[in-house]
Amino acid sequence: MEDPNLHLSVFLKACDMLKMKGTSIDAIQWCLFPFSLKEKARAWLHSLLLASITTWGEPTRVFLAKFFPPRNMASLKNQITSFAQQEYESLCEEWEQFKDPLRLCPHHGLQKWMVVHTFYKRIRHVMRSMIDAVAGGTLMSKPEDEAYNLIEEMALSHC
């Protein structure tokens, strides 16, 4: 029931901390991956023909296909693009709510400008006006990184 994308991200960061002379990072990841799994996921991995998997990319691709199927990605992408601010929620609450499906689906394929645009266009007018005032004009005239960071900073200051 764990988030498979988060599991892989944490696992890869842990593996990056390990260095063994004469051993590639792929070999380390491939050897340790079974130990990072529990119960059904571990049983599923052992049910594969492990000898037929020769590169680290194969088990991660198959793992995500099994535990994070395309319908999950489609559902989360729909949550992102159909986001709507609730009437009595703060900018902080809305920004965190909006980012939840982004975190759960890091391979959503949406460019940062589209993420900023979607959030900005779907919040209440009063919130957009407040963001524009802080931006010194319309937020959408800012470069995407600057616009994203401005929303992030404003949301954090309103928590």
Protein backbone atom coordinates (compact mmCIF):
# COMPACT_ATOMS: atom_id res chain seq x y z
CA MET A 1 0.00 0.00 0.00
CA GLU A 2 3.09 2.22 -0.01
CA ASP A 3 3.65 4.82 -2.72
CA PRO A 4 5.85 3.00 -5.29
CA ASN A 5 7.38 6.20 -6.70
CA LEU A 6 8.37 7.35 -3.23
CA HIS A 7 9.70 3.88 -2.43
CA LEU A 8 11.97 3.95 -5.50
CA SER A 9 13.12 7.49 -4.80
CA VAL A 10 14.11 6.69 -1.20
CA PHE A 11 15.70 3.41 -2.27
CA LEU A 12 17.80 5.10 -4.96
CA LYS A 13 18.98 7.79 -2.53
CA ALA A 14 20.01 5.11 -0.04
CA CYS A 15 21.90 3.23 -2.75
CA ASP A 16 23.67 6.42 -3.82
CA MET A 17 25.24 6.55 -0.36
CA LEU A 18 26.85 3.14 -0.87
CA LYS A 19 30.14 2.89 -2.70
CA MET A 20 31.98 -0.37 -3.21
CA LYS A 21 35.26 -0.45 -5.09
CA GLY A 22 34.85 -2.27 -8.39
CA THR A 23 31.04 -2.48 -8.11
CA SER A 24 28.71 -0.41 -10.26
CA ILE A 25 25.77 1.44 -8.75
CA ASP A 26 23.46 -0.67 -10.97
CA ALA A 27 24.83 -3.84 -9.40
CA ILE A 28 24.33 -2.45 -5.90
CA GLN A 29 20.76 -1.40 -6.71
CA TRP A 30 19.94 -4.73 -8.30
CA CYS A 31 21.33 -6.70 -5.34
CA LEU A 32 19.59 -4.60 -2.67
CA PHE A 33 16.23 -3.98 -4.33
CA PRO A 34 14.63 -7.27 -3.18
CA PHE A 35 15.50 -6.38 0.42
CA SER A 36 13.70 -3.03 0.12
CA LEU A 37 10.38 -4.73 -0.60
CA LYS A 38 7.87 -6.25 1.79
CA GLU A 39 5.28 -8.99 1.60
CA LYS A 40 3.37 -8.99 -1.71
CA ALA A 41 5.93 -6.86 -3.53
CA ARG A 42 8.80 -9.11 -2.45
CA ALA A 43 6.83 -12.24 -3.40
CA TRP A 44 6.00 -10.67 -6.77
CA LEU A 45 9.66 -9.89 -7.46
CA HIS A 46 10.74 -13.41 -6.58
CA SER A 47 8.07 -14.80 -8.89
CA LEU A 48 9.75 -13.11 -11.85
CA LEU A 49 12.44 -14.90 -13.72
CA LEU A 50 15.20 -12.95 -12.01
CA ALA A 51 17.86 -14.49 -14.24
CA SER A 52 16.10 -13.00 -17.29
CA ILE A 53 16.41 -9.45 -15.91
CA THR A 54 19.85 -8.17 -16.80
CA THR A 55 19.79 -4.42 -16.12
CA TRP A 56 18.59 -2.30 -13.22
CA GLY A 57 16.10 -0.43 -15.41
CA GLU A 58 14.04 -3.54 -16.09
CA PRO A 59 12.90 -4.25 -12.51
CA THR A 60 12.05 -0.59 -11.88
CA ARG A 61 9.98 -0.41 -15.06
CA VAL A 62 8.16 -3.66 -14.25
CA PHE A 63 7.77 -2.67 -10.58
CA LEU A 64 6.09 0.62 -11.47
CA ALA A 65 3.91 -1.06 -14.09
CA LYS A 66 2.74 -3.56 -11.47
CA PHE A 67 2.31 -1.28 -8.46
CA PHE A 68 1.60 2.03 -10.20
CA PRO A 69 -0.40 1.13 -13.31
CA PRO A 70 -1.29 3.69 -16.00
CA ARG A 71 -4.83 4.11 -14.62
CA ASN A 72 -3.32 5.45 -11.36
CA MET A 73 -1.23 7.95 -13.30
CA ALA A 74 -4.26 8.99 -15.36
CA SER A 75 -6.34 9.48 -12.22
CA LEU A 76 -3.67 11.60 -10.51
CA LYS A 77 -3.06 13.64 -13.68
CA ASN A 78 -6.80 14.29 -13.82
CA GLN A 79 -6.72 15.45 -10.17
CA ILE A 80 -3.95 17.88 -11.08
CA THR A 81 -5.60 19.34 -14.16
CA SER A 82 -9.11 19.53 -12.65
CA PHE A 83 -8.02 21.11 -9.37
CA ALA A 84 -10.39 23.70 -7.91
CA GLN A 85 -9.86 25.80 -4.80
CA GLN A 86 -12.34 25.25 -2.00
CA GLU A 87 -14.21 28.29 -0.78
CA TYR A 88 -12.78 28.65 2.74
CA GLU A 89 -9.28 27.22 2.38
CA SER A 90 -6.12 29.27 2.63
CA LEU A 91 -3.49 29.57 -0.05
CA CYS A 92 -1.26 27.28 2.01
CA GLU A 93 -3.91 24.58 2.28
CA GLU A 94 -4.76 24.79 -1.40
CA TRP A 95 -1.14 24.71 -2.54
CA GLU A 96 -0.44 21.62 -0.42
CA GLN A 97 -3.62 19.94 -1.65
CA PHE A 98 -2.63 20.74 -5.24
CA LYS A 99 0.90 19.38 -4.77
CA ASP A 100 -0.23 16.04 -3.28
CA PRO A 101 -1.00 14.37 -6.63
CA LEU A 102 2.18 15.93 -8.07
CA ARG A 103 4.20 14.16 -5.36
CA LEU A 104 2.34 10.88 -5.82
CA CYS A 105 2.90 10.98 -9.56
CA PRO A 106 6.35 12.46 -10.23
CA HIS A 107 6.21 11.23 -13.85
CA HIS A 108 3.00 13.13 -14.62
CA GLY A 109 4.59 14.67 -17.71
CA LEU A 110 3.27 18.17 -17.11
CA GLN A 111 5.76 20.94 -17.65
CA LYS A 112 6.30 23.35 -14.77
CA TRP A 113 4.62 26.24 -16.60
CA MET A 114 1.49 24.08 -16.99
CA VAL A 115 1.52 23.21 -13.28
CA VAL A 116 1.79 26.91 -12.36
CA HIS A 117 -0.86 27.89 -14.91
CA THR A 118 -3.31 25.21 -13.71
CA PHE A 119 -3.01 26.23 -10.08
CA TYR A 120 -3.14 29.97 -10.80
CA LYS A 121 -6.19 29.75 -13.07
CA ARG A 122 -8.13 27.54 -10.66
CA ILE A 123 -7.77 29.52 -7.45
CA ARG A 124 -10.26 32.18 -6.41
CA HIS A 125 -9.94 35.66 -7.93
CA VAL A 126 -8.99 37.24 -4.59
CA MET A 127 -6.04 34.82 -4.26
CA ARG A 128 -4.91 35.52 -7.85
CA SER A 129 -5.03 39.26 -7.14
CA MET A 130 -2.94 38.80 -4.01
CA ILE A 131 -0.36 36.72 -5.90
CA ASP A 132 -0.25 39.25 -8.75
CA ALA A 133 0.33 42.07 -6.26
CA VAL A 134 3.29 40.25 -4.72
CA ALA A 135 4.57 39.42 -8.22
CA GLY A 136 4.48 43.11 -9.15
CA GLY A 137 2.19 42.37 -12.09
CA THR A 138 0.59 39.24 -13.43
CA LEU A 139 2.19 36.02 -12.20
CA MET A 140 1.93 34.48 -15.66
CA SER A 141 4.36 37.07 -17.06
CA LYS A 142 7.11 35.67 -14.82
CA PRO A 143 9.46 32.86 -15.86
CA GLU A 144 8.08 29.48 -14.77
CA ASP A 145 10.65 28.85 -12.01
CA GLU A 146 10.14 32.32 -10.57
CA ALA A 147 6.36 31.94 -10.69
CA TYR A 148 6.47 28.51 -9.04
CA ASN A 149 8.82 29.74 -6.31
CA LEU A 150 6.66 32.80 -5.68
CA ILE A 151 3.58 30.63 -5.10
CA GLU A 152 5.61 28.30 -2.90
CA GLU A 153 6.95 31.19 -0.79
CA MET A 154 3.54 32.84 -0.47
CA ALA A 155 1.90 29.57 0.51
CA LEU A 156 4.56 28.90 3.16
CA SER A 157 4.15 32.39 4.59
CA HIS A 158 0.40 31.80 4.98
CA CYS A 159 0.68 28.51 6.87
